[in-house]
Amino acid sequence: MATDTATSRAMGVVNFSTGQLDPSDNTAVTVTVGFTPRHIILVNEDLVERWEKFEGMAAAACLKITSTTMSYDTDSAIVINTDGTFTVSATAAGNGDNLMWAAWG
């Protein structure tokens, strides 16, 4: 039987934050959550796309899910920073698209 060990544990403390982005200038957006996220979901409601980033993934990597495909995205759509923030790339942010996000830490 194979076993695996968690790379990090919340030890009974879980941080959670949600929000909405409505970028209009097609630039990257840095979101302050006040903790280092371990899991982030970003949903573009206009294009019906979803990105997911998990702690331990390569810095530039995340999952991208559309209405027809799921792919391993390596374009830095979501970057987890060490200062209690995460950054959404200009490509993922779009131009005026309505974005919803949730972060767990």
PDB file of N, CA and C in Angstrom:
ATOM      1  N   MET A   1       0.830  -1.169   0.000  1.00  0.00           N
ATOM      2  CA  MET A   1       0.000   0.000   0.000  1.00  0.00           C
ATOM      3  C   MET A   1       0.885   1.245   0.000  1.00  0.00           C
ATOM      4  N   ALA A   2       0.640   2.124  -0.910  1.00  0.00           N
ATOM      5  CA  ALA A   2       1.401   3.366  -0.980  1.00  0.00           C
ATOM      6  C   ALA A   2       0.879   4.359   0.052  1.00  0.00           C
ATOM      7  N   THR A   3       1.780   5.147   0.600  1.00  0.00           N
ATOM      8  CA  THR A   3       1.388   6.199   1.543  1.00  0.00           C
ATOM      9  C   THR A   3       1.973   7.510   1.083  1.00  0.00           C
ATOM     10  N   ASP A   4       1.415   8.580   1.571  1.00  0.00           N
ATOM     11  CA  ASP A   4       1.880   9.911   1.225  1.00  0.00           C
ATOM     12  C   ASP A   4       1.813  10.769   2.480  1.00  0.00           C
ATOM     13  N   THR A   5       2.664  11.749   2.583  1.00  0.00           N
ATOM     14  CA  THR A   5       2.686  12.646   3.723  1.00  0.00           C
ATOM     15  C   THR A   5       2.361  14.048   3.245  1.00  0.00           C
ATOM     16  N   ALA A   6       1.500  14.728   3.979  1.00  0.00           N
ATOM     17  CA  ALA A   6       1.121  16.099   3.627  1.00  0.00           C
ATOM     18  C   ALA A   6       2.346  17.002   3.682  1.00  0.00           C
ATOM     19  N   THR A   7       2.448  17.927   2.734  1.00  0.00           N
ATOM     20  CA  THR A   7       3.570  18.861   2.725  1.00  0.00           C
ATOM     21  C   THR A   7       3.351  19.998   3.707  1.00  0.00           C
ATOM     22  N   SER A   8       2.104  20.286   4.046  1.00  0.00           N
ATOM     23  CA  SER A   8       1.809  21.300   5.057  1.00  0.00           C
ATOM     24  C   SER A   8       0.456  21.002   5.669  1.00  0.00           C
ATOM     25  N   ARG A   9       0.268  21.478   6.874  1.00  0.00           N
ATOM     26  CA  ARG A   9      -0.978  21.236   7.586  1.00  0.00           C
ATOM     27  C   ARG A   9      -1.435  22.524   8.238  1.00  0.00           C
ATOM     28  N   ALA A  10      -2.742  22.694   8.340  1.00  0.00           N
ATOM     29  CA  ALA A  10      -3.298  23.906   8.941  1.00  0.00           C
ATOM     30  C   ALA A  10      -3.258  23.858  10.460  1.00  0.00           C
ATOM     31  N   MET A  11      -3.102  22.685  11.050  1.00  0.00           N
ATOM     32  CA  MET A  11      -3.058  22.520  12.499  1.00  0.00           C
ATOM     33  C   MET A  11      -4.276  23.151  13.172  1.00  0.00           C
ATOM     34  N   GLY A  12      -5.445  22.959  12.551  1.00  0.00           N
ATOM     35  CA  GLY A  12      -6.687  23.464  13.126  1.00  0.00           C
ATOM     36  C   GLY A  12      -7.013  24.904  12.768  1.00  0.00           C
ATOM     37  N   VAL A  13      -6.120  25.593  12.088  1.00  0.00           N
ATOM     38  CA  VAL A  13      -6.361  26.984  11.705  1.00  0.00           C
ATOM     39  C   VAL A  13      -6.463  27.047  10.190  1.00  0.00           C
ATOM     40  N   VAL A  14      -7.584  27.510   9.702  1.00  0.00           N
ATOM     41  CA  VAL A  14      -7.777  27.634   8.265  1.00  0.00           C
ATOM     42  C   VAL A  14      -8.172  29.072   7.950  1.00  0.00           C
ATOM     43  N   ASN A  15      -7.457  29.684   7.034  1.00  0.00           N
ATOM     44  CA  ASN A  15      -7.801  31.022   6.568  1.00  0.00           C
ATOM     45  C   ASN A  15      -8.572  30.883   5.266  1.00  0.00           C
ATOM     46  N   PHE A  16      -9.545  31.766   5.071  1.00  0.00           N
ATOM     47  CA  PHE A  16     -10.374  31.726   3.864  1.00  0.00           C
ATOM     48  C   PHE A  16     -10.723  33.150   3.484  1.00  0.00           C
ATOM     49  N   SER A  17     -10.652  33.446   2.203  1.00  0.00           N
ATOM     50  CA  SER A  17     -10.991  34.772   1.713  1.00  0.00           C
ATOM     51  C   SER A  17     -11.576  34.649   0.314  1.00  0.00           C
ATOM     52  N   THR A  18     -12.543  35.489   0.002  1.00  0.00           N
ATOM     53  CA  THR A  18     -13.132  35.510  -1.337  1.00  0.00           C
ATOM     54  C   THR A  18     -13.221  36.943  -1.826  1.00  0.00           C
ATOM     55  N   GLY A  19     -13.412  37.090  -3.111  1.00  0.00           N
ATOM     56  CA  GLY A  19     -13.547  38.433  -3.653  1.00  0.00           C
ATOM     57  C   GLY A  19     -13.888  38.417  -5.125  1.00  0.00           C
ATOM     58  N   GLN A  20     -13.972  39.617  -5.649  1.00  0.00           N
ATOM     59  CA  GLN A  20     -14.312  39.817  -7.052  1.00  0.00           C
ATOM     60  C   GLN A  20     -13.341  40.813  -7.646  1.00  0.00           C
ATOM     61  N   LEU A  21     -12.906  40.543  -8.859  1.00  0.00           N
ATOM     62  CA  LEU A  21     -12.038  41.456  -9.596  1.00  0.00           C
ATOM     63  C   LEU A  21     -12.762  41.886 -10.853  1.00  0.00           C
ATOM     64  N   ASP A  22     -12.599  43.125 -11.216  1.00  0.00           N
ATOM     65  CA  ASP A  22     -13.172  43.635 -12.456  1.00  0.00           C
ATOM     66  C   ASP A  22     -12.141  44.529 -13.133  1.00  0.00           C
ATOM     67  N   PRO A  23     -11.019  43.931 -13.542  1.00  0.00           N
ATOM     68  CA  PRO A  23      -9.947  44.727 -14.139  1.00  0.00           C
ATOM     69  C   PRO A  23     -10.359  45.272 -15.499  1.00  0.00           C
ATOM     70  N   SER A  24      -9.981  46.513 -15.750  1.00  0.00           N
ATOM     71  CA  SER A  24     -10.377  47.116 -17.025  1.00  0.00           C
ATOM     72  C   SER A  24      -9.184  47.564 -17.852  1.00  0.00           C
ATOM     73  N   ASP A  25      -7.980  47.378 -17.344  1.00  0.00           N
ATOM     74  CA  ASP A  25      -6.818  47.881 -18.077  1.00  0.00           C
ATOM     75  C   ASP A  25      -5.885  46.785 -18.572  1.00  0.00           C
ATOM     76  N   ASN A  26      -6.329  45.521 -18.522  1.00  0.00           N
ATOM     77  CA  ASN A  26      -5.568  44.409 -19.076  1.00  0.00           C
ATOM     78  C   ASN A  26      -4.162  44.304 -18.476  1.00  0.00           C
ATOM     79  N   THR A  27      -4.048  44.498 -17.152  1.00  0.00           N
ATOM     80  CA  THR A  27      -2.772  44.356 -16.467  1.00  0.00           C
ATOM     81  C   THR A  27      -2.910  43.317 -15.358  1.00  0.00           C
ATOM     82  N   ALA A  28      -1.781  42.830 -14.871  1.00  0.00           N
ATOM     83  CA  ALA A  28      -1.785  41.877 -13.760  1.00  0.00           C
ATOM     84  C   ALA A  28      -2.362  42.541 -12.514  1.00  0.00           C
ATOM     85  N   VAL A  29      -2.990  41.725 -11.663  1.00  0.00           N
ATOM     86  CA  VAL A  29      -3.624  42.227 -10.439  1.00  0.00           C
ATOM     87  C   VAL A  29      -3.053  41.454  -9.259  1.00  0.00           C
ATOM     88  N   THR A  30      -2.602  42.175  -8.229  1.00  0.00           N
ATOM     89  CA  THR A  30      -2.143  41.545  -6.999  1.00  0.00           C
ATOM     90  C   THR A  30      -3.236  41.686  -5.953  1.00  0.00           C
ATOM     91  N   VAL A  31      -3.613  40.556  -5.351  1.00  0.00           N
ATOM     92  CA  VAL A  31      -4.694  40.503  -4.365  1.00  0.00           C
ATOM     93  C   VAL A  31      -4.078  40.256  -2.990  1.00  0.00           C
ATOM     94  N   THR A  32      -4.418  41.095  -2.019  1.00  0.00           N
ATOM     95  CA  THR A  32      -3.933  40.919  -0.654  1.00  0.00           C
ATOM     96  C   THR A  32      -4.965  40.154   0.154  1.00  0.00           C
ATOM     97  N   VAL A  33      -4.552  39.008   0.717  1.00  0.00           N
ATOM     98  CA  VAL A  33      -5.452  38.207   1.549  1.00  0.00           C
ATOM     99  C   VAL A  33      -4.992  38.148   2.997  1.00  0.00           C
ATOM    100  N   GLY A  34      -3.747  38.534   3.284  1.00  0.00           N
ATOM    101  CA  GLY A  34      -3.246  38.560   4.645  1.00  0.00           C
ATOM    102  C   GLY A  34      -2.700  37.230   5.149  1.00  0.00           C
ATOM    103  N   PHE A  35      -2.617  36.237   4.295  1.00  0.00           N
ATOM    104  CA  PHE A  35      -2.037  34.941   4.625  1.00  0.00           C
ATOM    105  C   PHE A  35      -1.489  34.348   3.336  1.00  0.00           C
ATOM    106  N   THR A  36      -0.627  33.365   3.458  1.00  0.00           N
ATOM    107  CA  THR A  36      -0.096  32.709   2.258  1.00  0.00           C
ATOM    108  C   THR A  36      -1.079  31.636   1.818  1.00  0.00           C
ATOM    109  N   PRO A  37      -1.720  31.812   0.677  1.00  0.00           N
ATOM    110  CA  PRO A  37      -2.713  30.840   0.222  1.00  0.00           C
ATOM    111  C   PRO A  37      -2.086  29.487  -0.105  1.00  0.00           C
ATOM    112  N   ARG A  38      -2.848  28.434   0.152  1.00  0.00           N
ATOM    113  CA  ARG A  38      -2.434  27.075  -0.208  1.00  0.00           C
ATOM    114  C   ARG A  38      -3.255  26.543  -1.380  1.00  0.00           C
ATOM    115  N   HIS A  39      -4.394  27.162  -1.630  1.00  0.00           N
ATOM    116  CA  HIS A  39      -5.276  26.749  -2.724  1.00  0.00           C
ATOM    117  C   HIS A  39      -6.048  27.983  -3.168  1.00  0.00           C
ATOM    118  N   ILE A  40      -6.051  28.241  -4.453  1.00  0.00           N
ATOM    119  CA  ILE A  40      -6.759  29.394  -5.023  1.00  0.00           C
ATOM    120  C   ILE A  40      -7.595  28.921  -6.194  1.00  0.00           C
ATOM    121  N   ILE A  41      -8.815  29.395  -6.258  1.00  0.00           N
ATOM    122  CA  ILE A  41      -9.684  29.179  -7.418  1.00  0.00           C
ATOM    123  C   ILE A  41     -10.026  30.547  -7.991  1.00  0.00           C
ATOM    124  N   LEU A  42      -9.875  30.687  -9.286  1.00  0.00           N
ATOM    125  CA  LEU A  42     -10.204  31.917  -9.996  1.00  0.00           C
ATOM    126  C   LEU A  42     -11.181  31.560 -11.104  1.00  0.00           C
ATOM    127  N   VAL A  43     -12.329  32.224 -11.152  1.00  0.00           N
ATOM    128  CA  VAL A  43     -13.353  31.932 -12.157  1.00  0.00           C
ATOM    129  C   VAL A  43     -13.624  33.187 -12.975  1.00  0.00           C
ATOM    130  N   ASN A  44     -13.521  33.058 -14.296  1.00  0.00           N
ATOM    131  CA  ASN A  44     -13.907  34.124 -15.215  1.00  0.00           C
ATOM    132  C   ASN A  44     -15.340  33.822 -15.638  1.00  0.00           C
ATOM    133  N   GLU A  45     -16.278  34.579 -15.094  1.00  0.00           N
ATOM    134  CA  GLU A  45     -17.694  34.325 -15.374  1.00  0.00           C
ATOM    135  C   GLU A  45     -18.072  34.647 -16.814  1.00  0.00           C
ATOM    136  N   ASP A  46     -17.391  35.594 -17.426  1.00  0.00           N
ATOM    137  CA  ASP A  46     -17.718  35.987 -18.803  1.00  0.00           C
ATOM    138  C   ASP A  46     -17.273  34.946 -19.825  1.00  0.00           C
ATOM    139  N   LEU A  47     -16.071  34.386 -19.636  1.00  0.00           N
ATOM    140  CA  LEU A  47     -15.537  33.412 -20.583  1.00  0.00           C
ATOM    141  C   LEU A  47     -15.777  31.969 -20.152  1.00  0.00           C
ATOM    142  N   VAL A  48     -16.377  31.780 -18.987  1.00  0.00           N
ATOM    143  CA  VAL A  48     -16.633  30.453 -18.407  1.00  0.00           C
ATOM    144  C   VAL A  48     -15.328  29.651 -18.362  1.00  0.00           C
ATOM    145  N   GLU A  49     -14.341  30.228 -17.667  1.00  0.00           N
ATOM    146  CA  GLU A  49     -13.051  29.583 -17.462  1.00  0.00           C
ATOM    147  C   GLU A  49     -12.742  29.557 -15.967  1.00  0.00           C
ATOM    148  N   ARG A  50     -11.952  28.579 -15.568  1.00  0.00           N
ATOM    149  CA  ARG A  50     -11.587  28.438 -14.163  1.00  0.00           C
ATOM    150  C   ARG A  50     -10.120  28.024 -14.075  1.00  0.00           C
ATOM    151  N   TRP A  51      -9.398  28.657 -13.168  1.00  0.00           N
ATOM    152  CA  TRP A  51      -8.016  28.292 -12.888  1.00  0.00           C
ATOM    153  C   TRP A  51      -7.940  27.848 -11.436  1.00  0.00           C
ATOM    154  N   GLU A  52      -7.112  26.842 -11.172  1.00  0.00           N
ATOM    155  CA  GLU A  52      -6.880  26.388  -9.807  1.00  0.00           C
ATOM    156  C   GLU A  52      -5.390  26.244  -9.577  1.00  0.00           C
ATOM    157  N   LYS A  53      -4.957  26.747  -8.434  1.00  0.00           N
ATOM    158  CA  LYS A  53      -3.550  26.676  -8.044  1.00  0.00           C
ATOM    159  C   LYS A  53      -3.475  26.020  -6.680  1.00  0.00           C
ATOM    160  N   PHE A  54      -2.600  25.039  -6.541  1.00  0.00           N
ATOM    161  CA  PHE A  54      -2.401  24.338  -5.282  1.00  0.00           C
ATOM    162  C   PHE A  54      -0.980  24.570  -4.791  1.00  0.00           C
ATOM    163  N   GLU A  55      -0.826  24.665  -3.489  1.00  0.00           N
ATOM    164  CA  GLU A  55       0.495  24.751  -2.890  1.00  0.00           C
ATOM    165  C   GLU A  55       1.329  23.561  -3.368  1.00  0.00           C
ATOM    166  N   GLY A  56       2.564  23.832  -3.745  1.00  0.00           N
ATOM    167  CA  GLY A  56       3.451  22.777  -4.214  1.00  0.00           C
ATOM    168  C   GLY A  56       3.566  22.699  -5.722  1.00  0.00           C
ATOM    169  N   MET A  57       2.637  23.333  -6.444  1.00  0.00           N
ATOM    170  CA  MET A  57       2.749  23.365  -7.904  1.00  0.00           C
ATOM    171  C   MET A  57       3.899  24.298  -8.288  1.00  0.00           C
ATOM    172  N   ALA A  58       4.471  24.086  -9.438  1.00  0.00           N
ATOM    173  CA  ALA A  58       5.512  24.983  -9.942  1.00  0.00           C
ATOM    174  C   ALA A  58       4.983  26.414  -9.952  1.00  0.00           C
ATOM    175  N   ALA A  59       5.881  27.375  -9.746  1.00  0.00           N
ATOM    176  CA  ALA A  59       5.464  28.776  -9.614  1.00  0.00           C
ATOM    177  C   ALA A  59       4.600  29.258 -10.781  1.00  0.00           C
ATOM    178  N   ALA A  60       4.921  28.836 -11.991  1.00  0.00           N
ATOM    179  CA  ALA A  60       4.192  29.307 -13.169  1.00  0.00           C
ATOM    180  C   ALA A  60       3.004  28.427 -13.540  1.00  0.00           C
ATOM    181  N   ALA A  61       2.758  27.371 -12.782  1.00  0.00           N
ATOM    182  CA  ALA A  61       1.760  26.373 -13.187  1.00  0.00           C
ATOM    183  C   ALA A  61       0.443  26.495 -12.433  1.00  0.00           C
ATOM    184  N   CYS A  62      -0.629  26.106 -13.104  1.00  0.00           N
ATOM    185  CA  CYS A  62      -1.946  25.936 -12.493  1.00  0.00           C
ATOM    186  C   CYS A  62      -2.806  25.113 -13.455  1.00  0.00           C
ATOM    187  N   LEU A  63      -3.950  24.699 -12.988  1.00  0.00           N
ATOM    188  CA  LEU A  63      -4.889  23.994 -13.839  1.00  0.00           C
ATOM    189  C   LEU A  63      -5.825  25.003 -14.477  1.00  0.00           C
ATOM    190  N   LYS A  64      -6.104  24.841 -15.758  1.00  0.00           N
ATOM    191  CA  LYS A  64      -7.059  25.695 -16.454  1.00  0.00           C
ATOM    192  C   LYS A  64      -8.186  24.808 -16.967  1.00  0.00           C
ATOM    193  N   ILE A  65      -9.402  25.182 -16.598  1.00  0.00           N
ATOM    194  CA  ILE A  65     -10.573  24.391 -16.958  1.00  0.00           C
ATOM    195  C   ILE A  65     -11.526  25.281 -17.747  1.00  0.00           C
ATOM    196  N   THR A  66     -11.889  24.826 -18.940  1.00  0.00           N
ATOM    197  CA  THR A  66     -12.871  25.539 -19.754  1.00  0.00           C
ATOM    198  C   THR A  66     -14.096  24.643 -19.902  1.00  0.00           C
ATOM    199  N   SER A  67     -15.041  25.067 -20.698  1.00  0.00           N
ATOM    200  CA  SER A  67     -16.251  24.264 -20.884  1.00  0.00           C
ATOM    201  C   SER A  67     -15.971  22.945 -21.604  1.00  0.00           C
ATOM    202  N   THR A  68     -14.824  22.846 -22.270  1.00  0.00           N
ATOM    203  CA  THR A  68     -14.534  21.631 -23.033  1.00  0.00           C
ATOM    204  C   THR A  68     -13.227  20.933 -22.659  1.00  0.00           C
ATOM    205  N   THR A  69     -12.323  21.603 -21.948  1.00  0.00           N
ATOM    206  CA  THR A  69     -11.012  21.009 -21.675  1.00  0.00           C
ATOM    207  C   THR A  69     -10.512  21.322 -20.270  1.00  0.00           C
ATOM    208  N   MET A  70      -9.574  20.516 -19.819  1.00  0.00           N
ATOM    209  CA  MET A  70      -8.793  20.816 -18.627  1.00  0.00           C
ATOM    210  C   MET A  70      -7.340  20.666 -19.020  1.00  0.00           C
ATOM    211  N   SER A  71      -6.523  21.678 -18.729  1.00  0.00           N
ATOM    212  CA  SER A  71      -5.130  21.628 -19.142  1.00  0.00           C
ATOM    213  C   SER A  71      -4.218  22.123 -18.021  1.00  0.00           C
ATOM    214  N   TYR A  72      -2.948  21.790 -18.150  1.00  0.00           N
ATOM    215  CA  TYR A  72      -1.915  22.228 -17.221  1.00  0.00           C
ATOM    216  C   TYR A  72      -1.325  23.505 -17.801  1.00  0.00           C
ATOM    217  N   ASP A  73      -1.696  24.626 -17.226  1.00  0.00           N
ATOM    218  CA  ASP A  73      -1.300  25.938 -17.737  1.00  0.00           C
ATOM    219  C   ASP A  73       0.036  26.343 -17.129  1.00  0.00           C
ATOM    220  N   THR A  74       0.978  26.796 -17.930  1.00  0.00           N
ATOM    221  CA  THR A  74       2.290  27.216 -17.437  1.00  0.00           C
ATOM    222  C   THR A  74       2.582  28.677 -17.766  1.00  0.00           C
ATOM    223  N   ASP A  75       1.533  29.490 -17.843  1.00  0.00           N
ATOM    224  CA  ASP A  75       1.690  30.904 -18.196  1.00  0.00           C
ATOM    225  C   ASP A  75       1.568  31.838 -16.996  1.00  0.00           C
ATOM    226  N   SER A  76       1.799  31.328 -15.777  1.00  0.00           N
ATOM    227  CA  SER A  76       1.747  32.143 -14.550  1.00  0.00           C
ATOM    228  C   SER A  76       0.402  32.835 -14.361  1.00  0.00           C
ATOM    229  N   ALA A  77      -0.702  32.137 -14.662  1.00  0.00           N
ATOM    230  CA  ALA A  77      -2.031  32.725 -14.490  1.00  0.00           C
ATOM    231  C   ALA A  77      -2.261  33.134 -13.042  1.00  0.00           C
ATOM    232  N   ILE A  78      -1.832  32.286 -12.097  1.00  0.00           N
ATOM    233  CA  ILE A  78      -1.912  32.591 -10.667  1.00  0.00           C
ATOM    234  C   ILE A  78      -0.535  32.313 -10.062  1.00  0.00           C
ATOM    235  N   VAL A  79       0.011  33.305  -9.363  1.00  0.00           N
ATOM    236  CA  VAL A  79       1.291  33.143  -8.675  1.00  0.00           C
ATOM    237  C   VAL A  79       1.064  33.429  -7.202  1.00  0.00           C
ATOM    238  N   ILE A  80       1.413  32.457  -6.346  1.00  0.00           N
ATOM    239  CA  ILE A  80       1.296  32.651  -4.902  1.00  0.00           C
ATOM    240  C   ILE A  80       2.567  33.330  -4.414  1.00  0.00           C
ATOM    241  N   ASN A  81       2.395  34.486  -3.786  1.00  0.00           N
ATOM    242  CA  ASN A  81       3.525  35.242  -3.250  1.00  0.00           C
ATOM    243  C   ASN A  81       3.699  34.904  -1.766  1.00  0.00           C
ATOM    244  N   THR A  82       4.837  35.237  -1.195  1.00  0.00           N
ATOM    245  CA  THR A  82       5.117  34.900   0.201  1.00  0.00           C
ATOM    246  C   THR A  82       4.731  36.005   1.181  1.00  0.00           C
ATOM    247  N   ASP A  83       4.158  37.085   0.686  1.00  0.00           N
ATOM    248  CA  ASP A  83       3.843  38.233   1.552  1.00  0.00           C
ATOM    249  C   ASP A  83       2.352  38.373   1.849  1.00  0.00           C
ATOM    250  N   GLY A  84       1.591  37.284   1.742  1.00  0.00           N
ATOM    251  CA  GLY A  84       0.158  37.358   2.012  1.00  0.00           C
ATOM    252  C   GLY A  84      -0.645  37.836   0.824  1.00  0.00           C
ATOM    253  N   THR A  85      -0.086  37.679  -0.380  1.00  0.00           N
ATOM    254  CA  THR A  85      -0.773  38.097  -1.602  1.00  0.00           C
ATOM    255  C   THR A  85      -0.658  36.990  -2.649  1.00  0.00           C
ATOM    256  N   PHE A  86      -1.471  37.132  -3.696  1.00  0.00           N
ATOM    257  CA  PHE A  86      -1.283  36.328  -4.902  1.00  0.00           C
ATOM    258  C   PHE A  86      -1.510  37.243  -6.086  1.00  0.00           C
ATOM    259  N   THR A  87      -0.930  36.878  -7.226  1.00  0.00           N
ATOM    260  CA  THR A  87      -1.014  37.714  -8.422  1.00  0.00           C
ATOM    261  C   THR A  87      -1.729  36.955  -9.527  1.00  0.00           C
ATOM    262  N   VAL A  88      -2.674  37.637 -10.162  1.00  0.00           N
ATOM    263  CA  VAL A  88      -3.395  37.112 -11.319  1.00  0.00           C
ATOM    264  C   VAL A  88      -2.801  37.792 -12.547  1.00  0.00           C
ATOM    265  N   SER A  89      -2.365  37.009 -13.519  1.00  0.00           N
ATOM    266  CA  SER A  89      -1.721  37.569 -14.701  1.00  0.00           C
ATOM    267  C   SER A  89      -2.695  38.401 -15.524  1.00  0.00           C
ATOM    268  N   ALA A  90      -2.140  39.247 -16.377  1.00  0.00           N
ATOM    269  CA  ALA A  90      -2.965  40.064 -17.268  1.00  0.00           C
ATOM    270  C   ALA A  90      -3.795  39.193 -18.195  1.00  0.00           C
ATOM    271  N   THR A  91      -3.231  38.080 -18.636  1.00  0.00           N
ATOM    272  CA  THR A  91      -3.954  37.169 -19.525  1.00  0.00           C
ATOM    273  C   THR A  91      -5.164  36.574 -18.823  1.00  0.00           C
ATOM    274  N   ALA A  92      -4.984  36.094 -17.592  1.00  0.00           N
ATOM    275  CA  ALA A  92      -6.099  35.509 -16.845  1.00  0.00           C
ATOM    276  C   ALA A  92      -7.102  36.569 -16.425  1.00  0.00           C
ATOM    277  N   ALA A  93      -6.617  37.761 -16.106  1.00  0.00           N
ATOM    278  CA  ALA A  93      -7.507  38.833 -15.656  1.00  0.00           C
ATOM    279  C   ALA A  93      -8.407  39.333 -16.778  1.00  0.00           C
ATOM    280  N   GLY A  94      -7.935  39.242 -17.999  1.00  0.00           N
ATOM    281  CA  GLY A  94      -8.752  39.699 -19.125  1.00  0.00           C
ATOM    282  C   GLY A  94      -8.883  41.208 -19.143  1.00  0.00           C
ATOM    283  N   ASN A  95      -9.807  41.684 -19.891  1.00  0.00           N
ATOM    284  CA  ASN A  95     -10.015  43.126 -20.013  1.00  0.00           C
ATOM    285  C   ASN A  95     -11.482  43.430 -19.757  1.00  0.00           C
ATOM    286  N   GLY A  96     -11.804  43.708 -18.510  1.00  0.00           N
ATOM    287  CA  GLY A  96     -13.172  44.023 -18.162  1.00  0.00           C
ATOM    288  C   GLY A  96     -14.020  42.807 -17.846  1.00  0.00           C
ATOM    289  N   ASP A  97     -13.406  41.607 -17.819  1.00  0.00           N
ATOM    290  CA  ASP A  97     -14.155  40.403 -17.483  1.00  0.00           C
ATOM    291  C   ASP A  97     -14.442  40.370 -15.984  1.00  0.00           C
ATOM    292  N   ASN A  98     -15.543  39.746 -15.615  1.00  0.00           N
ATOM    293  CA  ASN A  98     -15.911  39.619 -14.208  1.00  0.00           C
ATOM    294  C   ASN A  98     -15.259  38.362 -13.641  1.00  0.00           C
ATOM    295  N   LEU A  99     -14.404  38.538 -12.644  1.00  0.00           N
ATOM    296  CA  LEU A  99     -13.659  37.428 -12.041  1.00  0.00           C
ATOM    297  C   LEU A  99     -14.031  37.265 -10.579  1.00  0.00           C
ATOM    298  N   MET A 100     -14.292  36.031 -10.187  1.00  0.00           N
ATOM    299  CA  MET A 100     -14.541  35.695  -8.793  1.00  0.00           C
ATOM    300  C   MET A 100     -13.384  34.824  -8.331  1.00  0.00           C
ATOM    301  N   TRP A 101     -12.957  34.964  -7.068  1.00  0.00           N
ATOM    302  CA  TRP A 101     -11.868  34.159  -6.578  1.00  0.00           C
ATOM    303  C   TRP A 101     -12.117  33.732  -5.138  1.00  0.00           C
ATOM    304  N   ALA A 102     -11.471  32.643  -4.760  1.00  0.00           N
ATOM    305  CA  ALA A 102     -11.487  32.155  -3.389  1.00  0.00           C
ATOM    306  C   ALA A 102     -10.103  31.628  -3.070  1.00  0.00           C
ATOM    307  N   ALA A 103      -9.643  31.904  -1.857  1.00  0.00           N
ATOM    308  CA  ALA A 103      -8.312  31.470  -1.427  1.00  0.00           C
ATOM    309  C   ALA A 103      -8.409  30.841  -0.042  1.00  0.00           C
ATOM    310  N   TRP A 104      -7.713  29.712   0.115  1.00  0.00           N
ATOM    311  CA  TRP A 104      -7.633  29.016   1.397  1.00  0.00           C
ATOM    312  C   TRP A 104      -6.186  28.982   1.809  1.00  0.00           C
ATOM    313  N   GLY A 105      -5.929  29.097   3.118  1.00  0.00           N
ATOM    314  CA  GLY A 105      -4.561  29.047   3.586  1.00  0.00           C
ATOM    315  C   GLY A 105      -4.422  28.280   4.866  1.00  0.00           C
TER     316      GLY A 105
END
